[in-house]
Amino acid sequence: AADRLREELALLEGAQQHLRDGKIAQANRALREHARR
């Protein structure tokens, strides 16, 4: 469960970083991947 939560968090942190960098398409890809997984 802890490993799974870390994986979830990594995807969301990646999405947040992409948003801060103005990379909306990459952020949306990370968010879709989170939703899929």
All heavy atoms as atom14 arrays in JSON, in Angstrom:
{
  "sequence": "AADRLREELALLEGAQQHLRDGKIAQANRALREHARR",
  "atom14_mask": [
    [1, 1, 1, 1, 1, 0, 0, 0, 0, 0, 0, 0, 0, 0],
    [1, 1, 1, 1, 1, 0, 0, 0, 0, 0, 0, 0, 0, 0],
    [1, 1, 1, 1, 1, 1, 1, 1, 0, 0, 0, 0, 0, 0],
    [1, 1, 1, 1, 1, 1, 1, 1, 1, 1, 1, 0, 0, 0],
    [1, 1, 1, 1, 1, 1, 1, 1, 0, 0, 0, 0, 0, 0],
    [1, 1, 1, 1, 1, 1, 1, 1, 1, 1, 1, 0, 0, 0],
    [1, 1, 1, 1, 1, 1, 1, 1, 1, 0, 0, 0, 0, 0],
    [1, 1, 1, 1, 1, 1, 1, 1, 1, 0, 0, 0, 0, 0],
    [1, 1, 1, 1, 1, 1, 1, 1, 0, 0, 0, 0, 0, 0],
    [1, 1, 1, 1, 1, 0, 0, 0, 0, 0, 0, 0, 0, 0],
    [1, 1, 1, 1, 1, 1, 1, 1, 0, 0, 0, 0, 0, 0],
    [1, 1, 1, 1, 1, 1, 1, 1, 0, 0, 0, 0, 0, 0],
    [1, 1, 1, 1, 1, 1, 1, 1, 1, 0, 0, 0, 0, 0],
    [1, 1, 1, 1, 0, 0, 0, 0, 0, 0, 0, 0, 0, 0],
    [1, 1, 1, 1, 1, 0, 0, 0, 0, 0, 0, 0, 0, 0],
    [1, 1, 1, 1, 1, 1, 1, 1, 1, 0, 0, 0, 0, 0],
    [1, 1, 1, 1, 1, 1, 1, 1, 1, 0, 0, 0, 0, 0],
    [1, 1, 1, 1, 1, 1, 1, 1, 1, 1, 0, 0, 0, 0],
    [1, 1, 1, 1, 1, 1, 1, 1, 0, 0, 0, 0, 0, 0],
    [1, 1, 1, 1, 1, 1, 1, 1, 1, 1, 1, 0, 0, 0],
    [1, 1, 1, 1, 1, 1, 1, 1, 0, 0, 0, 0, 0, 0],
    [1, 1, 1, 1, 0, 0, 0, 0, 0, 0, 0, 0, 0, 0],
    [1, 1, 1, 1, 1, 1, 1, 1, 1, 0, 0, 0, 0, 0],
    [1, 1, 1, 1, 1, 1, 1, 1, 0, 0, 0, 0, 0, 0],
    [1, 1, 1, 1, 1, 0, 0, 0, 0, 0, 0, 0, 0, 0],
    [1, 1, 1, 1, 1, 1, 1, 1, 1, 0, 0, 0, 0, 0],
    [1, 1, 1, 1, 1, 0, 0, 0, 0, 0, 0, 0, 0, 0],
    [1, 1, 1, 1, 1, 1, 1, 1, 0, 0, 0, 0, 0, 0],
    [1, 1, 1, 1, 1, 1, 1, 1, 1, 1, 1, 0, 0, 0],
    [1, 1, 1, 1, 1, 0, 0, 0, 0, 0, 0, 0, 0, 0],
    [1, 1, 1, 1, 1, 1, 1, 1, 0, 0, 0, 0, 0, 0],
    [1, 1, 1, 1, 1, 1, 1, 1, 1, 1, 1, 0, 0, 0],
    [1, 1, 1, 1, 1, 1, 1, 1, 1, 0, 0, 0, 0, 0],
    [1, 1, 1, 1, 1, 1, 1, 1, 1, 1, 0, 0, 0, 0],
    [1, 1, 1, 1, 1, 0, 0, 0, 0, 0, 0, 0, 0, 0],
    [1, 1, 1, 1, 1, 1, 1, 1, 1, 1, 1, 0, 0, 0],
    [1, 1, 1, 1, 1, 1, 1, 1, 1, 1, 1, 0, 0, 0]
  ],
  "atom14_positions": [
    [[0.84, -1.21, 0.0], [0.0, 0.0, 0.0], [0.87, 1.25, 0.0], [0.56, 2.23, -0.7], [-0.93, -0.01, 1.21], [0.0, 0.0, 0.0], [0.0, 0.0, 0.0], [0.0, 0.0, 0.0], [0.0, 0.0, 0.0], [0.0, 0.0, 0.0], [0.0, 0.0, 0.0], [0.0, 0.0, 0.0], [0.0, 0.0, 0.0], [0.0, 0.0, 0.0]],
    [[1.96, 1.23, 0.75], [2.86, 2.39, 0.79], [3.53, 2.59, -0.56], [3.66, 3.72, -1.03], [3.92, 2.2, 1.88], [0.0, 0.0, 0.0], [0.0, 0.0, 0.0], [0.0, 0.0, 0.0], [0.0, 0.0, 0.0], [0.0, 0.0, 0.0], [0.0, 0.0, 0.0], [0.0, 0.0, 0.0], [0.0, 0.0, 0.0], [0.0, 0.0, 0.0]],
    [[3.93, 1.49, -1.2], [4.55, 1.59, -2.53], [3.56, 2.16, -3.55], [3.91, 3.0, -4.38], [5.04, 0.22, -3.0], [6.24, -0.27, -2.22], [6.89, 0.54, -1.52], [6.53, -1.48, -2.29], [0.0, 0.0, 0.0], [0.0, 0.0, 0.0], [0.0, 0.0, 0.0], [0.0, 0.0, 0.0], [0.0, 0.0, 0.0], [0.0, 0.0, 0.0]],
    [[2.33, 1.7, -3.47], [1.29, 2.17, -4.38], [1.04, 3.67, -4.19], [0.93, 4.42, -5.16], [0.01, 1.37, -4.12], [-1.13, 1.67, -5.04], [-2.29, 0.72, -4.71], [-3.48, 1.11, -5.38], [-3.87, 0.66, -6.56], [-3.15, -0.22, -7.19], [-5.0, 1.08, -7.1], [0.0, 0.0, 0.0], [0.0, 0.0, 0.0], [0.0, 0.0, 0.0]],
    [[0.99, 4.1, -2.93], [0.79, 5.51, -2.65], [1.95, 6.35, -3.17], [1.75, 7.42, -3.74], [0.6, 5.74, -1.15], [0.28, 7.16, -0.72], [-0.97, 7.69, -1.4], [0.14, 7.23, 0.79], [0.0, 0.0, 0.0], [0.0, 0.0, 0.0], [0.0, 0.0, 0.0], [0.0, 0.0, 0.0], [0.0, 0.0, 0.0], [0.0, 0.0, 0.0]],
    [[3.18, 5.84, -3.03], [4.34, 6.55, -3.58], [4.25, 6.69, -5.09], [4.59, 7.73, -5.65], [5.64, 5.84, -3.18], [6.17, 6.26, -1.84], [7.59, 5.75, -1.62], [7.65, 4.32, -1.38], [7.39, 3.74, -0.21], [7.08, 4.46, 0.84], [7.48, 2.43, -0.08], [0.0, 0.0, 0.0], [0.0, 0.0, 0.0], [0.0, 0.0, 0.0]],
    [[3.77, 5.64, -5.76], [3.61, 5.69, -7.22], [2.56, 6.73, -7.6], [2.74, 7.5, -8.56], [3.21, 4.32, -7.76], [4.32, 3.29, -7.69], [3.85, 1.92, -8.14], [3.01, 1.85, -9.07], [4.32, 0.93, -7.57], [0.0, 0.0, 0.0], [0.0, 0.0, 0.0], [0.0, 0.0, 0.0], [0.0, 0.0, 0.0], [0.0, 0.0, 0.0]],
    [[1.45, 6.74, -6.87], [0.41, 7.74, -7.13], [0.97, 9.15, -6.95], [0.77, 10.02, -7.8], [-0.75, 7.57, -6.14], [-1.72, 6.48, -6.48], [-2.99, 6.63, -5.66], [-3.75, 7.6, -5.92], [-3.22, 5.8, -4.78], [0.0, 0.0, 0.0], [0.0, 0.0, 0.0], [0.0, 0.0, 0.0], [0.0, 0.0, 0.0], [0.0, 0.0, 0.0]],
    [[1.65, 9.34, -5.84], [2.2, 10.65, -5.53], [3.2, 11.11, -6.58], [3.19, 12.27, -7.0], [2.85, 10.63, -4.14], [3.32, 11.96, -3.6], [2.19, 12.97, -3.54], [3.94, 11.76, -2.22], [0.0, 0.0, 0.0], [0.0, 0.0, 0.0], [0.0, 0.0, 0.0], [0.0, 0.0, 0.0], [0.0, 0.0, 0.0], [0.0, 0.0, 0.0]],
    [[4.04, 10.2, -7.05], [5.04, 10.56, -8.07], [4.35, 11.05, -9.35], [4.79, 12.04, -9.95], [5.94, 9.37, -8.36], [0.0, 0.0, 0.0], [0.0, 0.0, 0.0], [0.0, 0.0, 0.0], [0.0, 0.0, 0.0], [0.0, 0.0, 0.0], [0.0, 0.0, 0.0], [0.0, 0.0, 0.0], [0.0, 0.0, 0.0], [0.0, 0.0, 0.0]],
    [[3.3, 10.39, -9.76], [2.58, 10.82, -10.96], [1.96, 12.21, -10.77], [2.05, 13.07, -11.66], [1.49, 9.81, -11.33], [1.97, 8.55, -12.03], [0.86, 7.52, -12.07], [2.48, 8.86, -13.42], [0.0, 0.0, 0.0], [0.0, 0.0, 0.0], [0.0, 0.0, 0.0], [0.0, 0.0, 0.0], [0.0, 0.0, 0.0], [0.0, 0.0, 0.0]],
    [[1.36, 12.44, -9.62], [0.73, 13.74, -9.37], [1.77, 14.84, -9.21], [1.56, 15.96, -9.69], [-0.19, 13.67, -8.16], [-1.42, 12.79, -8.33], [-2.29, 12.82, -7.08], [-2.23, 13.21, -9.55], [0.0, 0.0, 0.0], [0.0, 0.0, 0.0], [0.0, 0.0, 0.0], [0.0, 0.0, 0.0], [0.0, 0.0, 0.0], [0.0, 0.0, 0.0]],
    [[2.88, 14.53, -8.56], [3.94, 15.54, -8.45], [4.5, 15.88, -9.83], [4.82, 17.04, -10.11], [5.05, 15.05, -7.52], [4.63, 15.09, -6.06], [5.68, 14.5, -5.14], [6.53, 13.7, -5.58], [5.64, 14.83, -3.94], [0.0, 0.0, 0.0], [0.0, 0.0, 0.0], [0.0, 0.0, 0.0], [0.0, 0.0, 0.0], [0.0, 0.0, 0.0]],
    [[4.62, 14.88, -10.69], [5.07, 15.12, -12.06], [4.1, 16.03, -12.8], [4.51, 16.97, -13.49], [0.0, 0.0, 0.0], [0.0, 0.0, 0.0], [0.0, 0.0, 0.0], [0.0, 0.0, 0.0], [0.0, 0.0, 0.0], [0.0, 0.0, 0.0], [0.0, 0.0, 0.0], [0.0, 0.0, 0.0], [0.0, 0.0, 0.0], [0.0, 0.0, 0.0]],
    [[2.81, 15.78, -12.63], [1.8, 16.61, -13.27], [1.89, 18.05, -12.76], [1.82, 19.01, -13.55], [0.4, 16.05, -13.01], [0.0, 0.0, 0.0], [0.0, 0.0, 0.0], [0.0, 0.0, 0.0], [0.0, 0.0, 0.0], [0.0, 0.0, 0.0], [0.0, 0.0, 0.0], [0.0, 0.0, 0.0], [0.0, 0.0, 0.0], [0.0, 0.0, 0.0]],
    [[2.06, 18.21, -11.47], [2.18, 19.55, -10.89], [3.4, 20.28, -11.44], [3.31, 21.47, -11.77], [2.28, 19.46, -9.37], [1.0, 19.02, -8.71], [1.2, 18.76, -7.23], [1.94, 19.46, -6.56], [0.51, 17.76, -6.72], [0.0, 0.0, 0.0], [0.0, 0.0, 0.0], [0.0, 0.0, 0.0], [0.0, 0.0, 0.0], [0.0, 0.0, 0.0]],
    [[4.51, 19.58, -11.56], [5.72, 20.21, -12.09], [5.5, 20.64, -13.55], [5.89, 21.73, -13.94], [6.92, 19.28, -12.0], [8.22, 19.92, -12.44], [8.58, 21.13, -11.61], [8.6, 21.08, -10.4], [8.86, 22.26, -12.27], [0.0, 0.0, 0.0], [0.0, 0.0, 0.0], [0.0, 0.0, 0.0], [0.0, 0.0, 0.0], [0.0, 0.0, 0.0]],
    [[4.86, 19.78, -14.32], [4.56, 20.15, -15.72], [3.68, 21.39, -15.78], [3.89, 22.27, -16.62], [3.9, 18.99, -16.46], [4.81, 17.84, -16.74], [6.05, 17.97, -17.32], [4.64, 16.52, -16.52], [6.62, 16.79, -17.46], [5.77, 15.88, -16.97], [0.0, 0.0, 0.0], [0.0, 0.0, 0.0], [0.0, 0.0, 0.0], [0.0, 0.0, 0.0]],
    [[2.7, 21.47, -14.89], [1.84, 22.66, -14.86], [2.64, 23.9, -14.52], [2.46, 24.94, -15.14], [0.69, 22.47, -13.86], [-0.42, 21.52, -14.3], [-1.38, 21.25, -13.15], [-1.16, 22.09, -15.49], [0.0, 0.0, 0.0], [0.0, 0.0, 0.0], [0.0, 0.0, 0.0], [0.0, 0.0, 0.0], [0.0, 0.0, 0.0], [0.0, 0.0, 0.0]],
    [[3.52, 23.8, -13.53], [4.36, 24.95, -13.17], [5.24, 25.38, -14.34], [5.51, 26.56, -14.52], [5.24, 24.6, -11.96], [4.5, 24.65, -10.64], [5.45, 24.55, -9.46], [6.12, 23.28, -9.36], [5.65, 22.19, -8.74], [4.46, 22.24, -8.16], [6.34, 21.08, -8.69], [0.0, 0.0, 0.0], [0.0, 0.0, 0.0], [0.0, 0.0, 0.0]],
    [[5.67, 24.4, -15.14], [6.52, 24.68, -16.3], [5.73, 25.1, -17.53], [6.3, 25.35, -18.58], [7.37, 23.45, -16.64], [8.38, 23.11, -15.56], [8.68, 23.98, -14.71], [8.86, 21.95, -15.55], [0.0, 0.0, 0.0], [0.0, 0.0, 0.0], [0.0, 0.0, 0.0], [0.0, 0.0, 0.0], [0.0, 0.0, 0.0], [0.0, 0.0, 0.0]],
    [[4.4, 25.11, -17.41], [3.56, 25.49, -18.54], [3.4, 24.39, -19.57], [2.97, 24.65, -20.69], [0.0, 0.0, 0.0], [0.0, 0.0, 0.0], [0.0, 0.0, 0.0], [0.0, 0.0, 0.0], [0.0, 0.0, 0.0], [0.0, 0.0, 0.0], [0.0, 0.0, 0.0], [0.0, 0.0, 0.0], [0.0, 0.0, 0.0], [0.0, 0.0, 0.0]],
    [[3.71, 23.17, -19.21], [3.62, 22.02, -20.12], [2.3, 21.29, -19.86], [2.27, 20.23, -19.25], [4.82, 21.1, -19.92], [6.14, 21.78, -20.22], [7.29, 20.86, -19.92], [8.62, 21.55, -20.23], [9.75, 20.7, -19.85], [0.0, 0.0, 0.0], [0.0, 0.0, 0.0], [0.0, 0.0, 0.0], [0.0, 0.0, 0.0], [0.0, 0.0, 0.0]],
    [[1.24, 21.87, -20.35], [-0.1, 21.38, -20.06], [-0.34, 19.99, -20.64], [-0.93, 19.13, -19.98], [-1.17, 22.37, -20.58], [-0.92, 23.78, -20.05], [-2.57, 21.89, -20.22], [-0.73, 23.9, -18.56], [0.0, 0.0, 0.0], [0.0, 0.0, 0.0], [0.0, 0.0, 0.0], [0.0, 0.0, 0.0], [0.0, 0.0, 0.0], [0.0, 0.0, 0.0]],
    [[0.12, 19.75, -21.85], [-0.07, 18.43, -22.48], [0.6, 17.34, -21.65], [0.01, 16.27, -21.43], [0.46, 18.43, -23.9], [0.0, 0.0, 0.0], [0.0, 0.0, 0.0], [0.0, 0.0, 0.0], [0.0, 0.0, 0.0], [0.0, 0.0, 0.0], [0.0, 0.0, 0.0], [0.0, 0.0, 0.0], [0.0, 0.0, 0.0], [0.0, 0.0, 0.0]],
    [[1.82, 17.59, -21.17], [2.52, 16.59, -20.35], [1.8, 16.4, -19.01], [1.71, 15.28, -18.5], [3.98, 16.97, -20.11], [4.84, 16.8, -21.32], [5.09, 18.13, -22.02], [4.25, 19.03, -22.04], [6.26, 18.25, -22.6], [0.0, 0.0, 0.0], [0.0, 0.0, 0.0], [0.0, 0.0, 0.0], [0.0, 0.0, 0.0], [0.0, 0.0, 0.0]],
    [[1.31, 17.49, -18.44], [0.56, 17.39, -17.18], [-0.67, 16.52, -17.38], [-0.95, 15.63, -16.58], [0.16, 18.77, -16.69], [0.0, 0.0, 0.0], [0.0, 0.0, 0.0], [0.0, 0.0, 0.0], [0.0, 0.0, 0.0], [0.0, 0.0, 0.0], [0.0, 0.0, 0.0], [0.0, 0.0, 0.0], [0.0, 0.0, 0.0], [0.0, 0.0, 0.0]],
    [[-1.39, 16.77, -18.47], [-2.59, 15.97, -18.74], [-2.26, 14.5, -18.98], [-3.01, 13.62, -18.56], [-3.36, 16.55, -19.92], [-4.15, 17.78, -19.52], [-4.67, 17.87, -18.41], [-4.23, 18.75, -20.42], [0.0, 0.0, 0.0], [0.0, 0.0, 0.0], [0.0, 0.0, 0.0], [0.0, 0.0, 0.0], [0.0, 0.0, 0.0], [0.0, 0.0, 0.0]],
    [[-1.12, 14.23, -19.62], [-0.71, 12.84, -19.81], [-0.47, 12.15, -18.47], [-0.9, 11.02, -18.24], [0.53, 12.74, -20.68], [0.23, 12.69, -22.17], [1.41, 12.23, -22.99], [2.5, 13.19, -23.03], [2.55, 14.27, -23.79], [1.54, 14.54, -24.61], [3.57, 15.08, -23.75], [0.0, 0.0, 0.0], [0.0, 0.0, 0.0], [0.0, 0.0, 0.0]],
    [[0.23, 12.84, -17.56], [0.49, 12.28, -16.23], [-0.81, 12.05, -15.47], [-0.98, 11.02, -14.8], [1.43, 13.19, -15.44], [0.0, 0.0, 0.0], [0.0, 0.0, 0.0], [0.0, 0.0, 0.0], [0.0, 0.0, 0.0], [0.0, 0.0, 0.0], [0.0, 0.0, 0.0], [0.0, 0.0, 0.0], [0.0, 0.0, 0.0], [0.0, 0.0, 0.0]],
    [[-1.75, 12.98, -15.59], [-3.03, 12.84, -14.9], [-3.85, 11.68, -15.49], [-4.5, 10.93, -14.75], [-3.81, 14.15, -14.97], [-3.17, 15.3, -14.17], [-3.75, 16.63, -14.59], [-3.31, 15.06, -12.68], [0.0, 0.0, 0.0], [0.0, 0.0, 0.0], [0.0, 0.0, 0.0], [0.0, 0.0, 0.0], [0.0, 0.0, 0.0], [0.0, 0.0, 0.0]],
    [[-3.82, 11.53, -16.81], [-4.51, 10.4, -17.44], [-3.88, 9.08, -17.04], [-4.58, 8.08, -16.8], [-4.53, 10.54, -18.97], [-5.54, 11.55, -19.47], [-5.74, 11.47, -20.98], [-4.5, 11.59, -21.73], [-3.97, 12.74, -22.14], [-4.59, 13.89, -21.86], [-2.86, 12.77, -22.84], [0.0, 0.0, 0.0], [0.0, 0.0, 0.0], [0.0, 0.0, 0.0]],
    [[-2.55, 9.06, -16.94], [-1.86, 7.85, -16.51], [-2.24, 7.5, -15.07], [-2.47, 6.34, -14.75], [-0.34, 8.03, -16.62], [0.47, 6.86, -16.15], [0.31, 5.6, -16.99], [-0.26, 5.63, -18.09], [0.79, 4.54, -16.52], [0.0, 0.0, 0.0], [0.0, 0.0, 0.0], [0.0, 0.0, 0.0], [0.0, 0.0, 0.0], [0.0, 0.0, 0.0]],
    [[-2.34, 8.5, -14.23], [-2.78, 8.25, -12.86], [-4.2, 7.66, -12.86], [-4.46, 6.68, -12.16], [-2.74, 9.55, -12.04], [-3.08, 9.33, -10.6], [-4.38, 9.27, -10.15], [-2.28, 9.15, -9.51], [-4.38, 9.06, -8.85], [-3.11, 8.99, -8.43], [0.0, 0.0, 0.0], [0.0, 0.0, 0.0], [0.0, 0.0, 0.0], [0.0, 0.0, 0.0]],
    [[-5.08, 8.23, -13.65], [-6.46, 7.73, -13.72], [-6.51, 6.3, -14.25], [-7.31, 5.49, -13.78], [-7.3, 8.65, -14.6], [0.0, 0.0, 0.0], [0.0, 0.0, 0.0], [0.0, 0.0, 0.0], [0.0, 0.0, 0.0], [0.0, 0.0, 0.0], [0.0, 0.0, 0.0], [0.0, 0.0, 0.0], [0.0, 0.0, 0.0], [0.0, 0.0, 0.0]],
    [[-5.65, 6.0, -15.2], [-5.61, 4.64, -15.77], [-5.1, 3.64, -14.74], [-5.69, 2.59, -14.55], [-4.73, 4.62, -17.01], [-4.71, 3.27, -17.74], [-3.69, 3.24, -18.86], [-2.32, 3.26, -18.4], [-1.68, 2.21, -17.85], [-2.3, 1.07, -17.68], [-0.41, 2.31, -17.48], [0.0, 0.0, 0.0], [0.0, 0.0, 0.0], [0.0, 0.0, 0.0]],
    [[-4.01, 3.98, -14.08], [-3.38, 3.05, -13.14], [-4.07, 3.0, -11.78], [-4.04, 1.96, -11.11], [-1.91, 3.42, -12.95], [-1.1, 3.14, -14.2], [0.34, 3.53, -14.07], [0.99, 2.91, -12.93], [2.16, 3.33, -12.44], [2.79, 4.35, -12.99], [2.69, 2.74, -11.4], [0.0, 0.0, 0.0], [0.0, 0.0, 0.0], [0.0, 0.0, 0.0]]
  ]
}
